[in-house]
Amino acid sequence: MTASGVENALEFFAGLRLRWREILPLDRVRQLAEDSCRRHGIRSADALQLGAALLWCNEQPKGRNFICFDNRLLDAARATGFTVHSQ
């Protein structure tokens, strides 16, 4: 990636940062992550991401978008009810 490409990516990321909602690793996120590990066989970090997404949408994923580039996590998010997007 060129220097200008890196700058463009950092600028885009900074714009996103103004609009996102950060989900902290609360007990409910951990519970949802443990359940996701058991149910979908995904790695712990992926399960925490899915758990945070579930907490974000009040555990109502239908009609909510989930974007990632990891196939196992994408499959788990789809099975959970999210509308999934990848590259």
Protein backbone atom coordinates (compact mmCIF):
# COMPACT_ATOMS: atom_id res chain seq x y z
CA MET A 1 0.00 0.00 0.00
CA THR A 2 1.31 3.44 -0.87
CA ALA A 3 1.78 6.25 1.65
CA SER A 4 -1.27 8.03 0.26
CA GLY A 5 -3.25 4.80 0.52
CA VAL A 6 -2.33 4.47 4.18
CA GLU A 7 -3.30 8.10 4.81
CA ASN A 8 -6.64 7.56 3.07
CA ALA A 9 -7.30 4.45 5.13
CA LEU A 10 -6.42 6.24 8.39
CA GLU A 11 -8.66 9.16 7.47
CA PHE A 12 -11.54 6.80 6.67
CA PHE A 13 -10.97 4.96 9.97
CA ALA A 14 -10.99 8.26 11.90
CA GLY A 15 -14.37 9.09 10.35
CA LEU A 16 -15.76 5.73 11.39
CA ARG A 17 -14.47 6.20 14.93
CA LEU A 18 -16.81 9.19 15.33
CA ARG A 19 -19.85 6.99 14.65
CA TRP A 20 -19.19 3.62 16.25
CA ARG A 21 -20.37 2.39 19.62
CA GLU A 22 -17.76 0.51 21.59
CA ILE A 23 -18.99 -2.54 23.49
CA LEU A 24 -16.97 -3.35 26.60
CA PRO A 25 -16.35 -6.97 27.69
CA LEU A 26 -19.20 -7.10 30.18
CA ASP A 27 -20.38 -10.33 31.77
CA ARG A 28 -23.21 -10.64 29.20
CA VAL A 29 -20.73 -10.36 26.31
CA ARG A 30 -18.67 -13.12 27.90
CA GLN A 31 -21.75 -15.31 28.34
CA LEU A 32 -22.79 -14.79 24.73
CA ALA A 33 -19.22 -15.53 23.61
CA GLU A 34 -19.08 -18.78 25.58
CA ASP A 35 -22.38 -19.83 24.06
CA SER A 36 -21.11 -18.97 20.57
CA CYS A 37 -17.97 -21.05 21.10
CA ARG A 38 -20.07 -24.04 22.07
CA ARG A 39 -22.73 -23.57 19.42
CA HIS A 40 -20.59 -22.60 16.43
CA GLY A 41 -17.09 -23.90 17.22
CA ILE A 42 -15.47 -20.51 16.66
CA ARG A 43 -12.33 -19.15 18.31
CA SER A 44 -12.59 -17.14 21.51
CA ALA A 45 -11.70 -13.75 19.97
CA ASP A 46 -14.27 -14.31 17.22
CA ALA A 47 -16.84 -15.33 19.81
CA LEU A 48 -16.20 -12.12 21.75
CA GLN A 49 -16.77 -10.11 18.57
CA LEU A 50 -20.02 -11.96 17.91
CA GLY A 51 -21.07 -11.57 21.55
CA ALA A 52 -20.43 -7.82 21.40
CA ALA A 53 -22.47 -7.58 18.19
CA LEU A 54 -25.32 -9.44 19.85
CA LEU A 55 -25.23 -7.12 22.85
CA TRP A 56 -25.17 -4.11 20.50
CA CYS A 57 -28.41 -5.22 18.83
CA ASN A 58 -30.07 -6.29 22.10
CA GLU A 59 -29.77 -9.91 20.98
CA GLN A 60 -32.08 -9.21 18.03
CA PRO A 61 -29.76 -9.73 15.01
CA LYS A 62 -32.47 -10.05 12.33
CA GLY A 63 -32.03 -7.24 9.81
CA ARG A 64 -28.71 -6.16 11.35
CA ASN A 65 -25.53 -6.16 9.28
CA PHE A 66 -22.38 -8.03 10.26
CA ILE A 67 -19.23 -7.36 8.26
CA CYS A 68 -16.06 -9.44 8.47
CA PHE A 69 -13.59 -11.35 6.34
CA ASP A 70 -13.29 -14.53 8.42
CA ASN A 71 -15.39 -17.36 7.00
CA ARG A 72 -15.98 -19.18 10.30
CA LEU A 73 -17.10 -16.00 12.04
CA LEU A 74 -19.22 -15.08 9.03
CA ASP A 75 -20.95 -18.47 9.15
CA ALA A 76 -21.57 -18.12 12.89
CA ALA A 77 -23.00 -14.61 12.47
CA ARG A 78 -25.26 -15.84 9.66
CA ALA A 79 -26.44 -18.79 11.77
CA THR A 80 -27.15 -16.38 14.63
CA GLY A 81 -29.41 -14.31 12.38
CA PHE A 82 -27.27 -11.41 11.16
CA THR A 83 -27.21 -10.30 7.55
CA VAL A 84 -23.57 -10.93 6.70
CA HIS A 85 -21.23 -9.13 4.33
CA SER A 86 -17.68 -9.94 3.26
CA GLN A 87 -15.47 -8.98 0.36
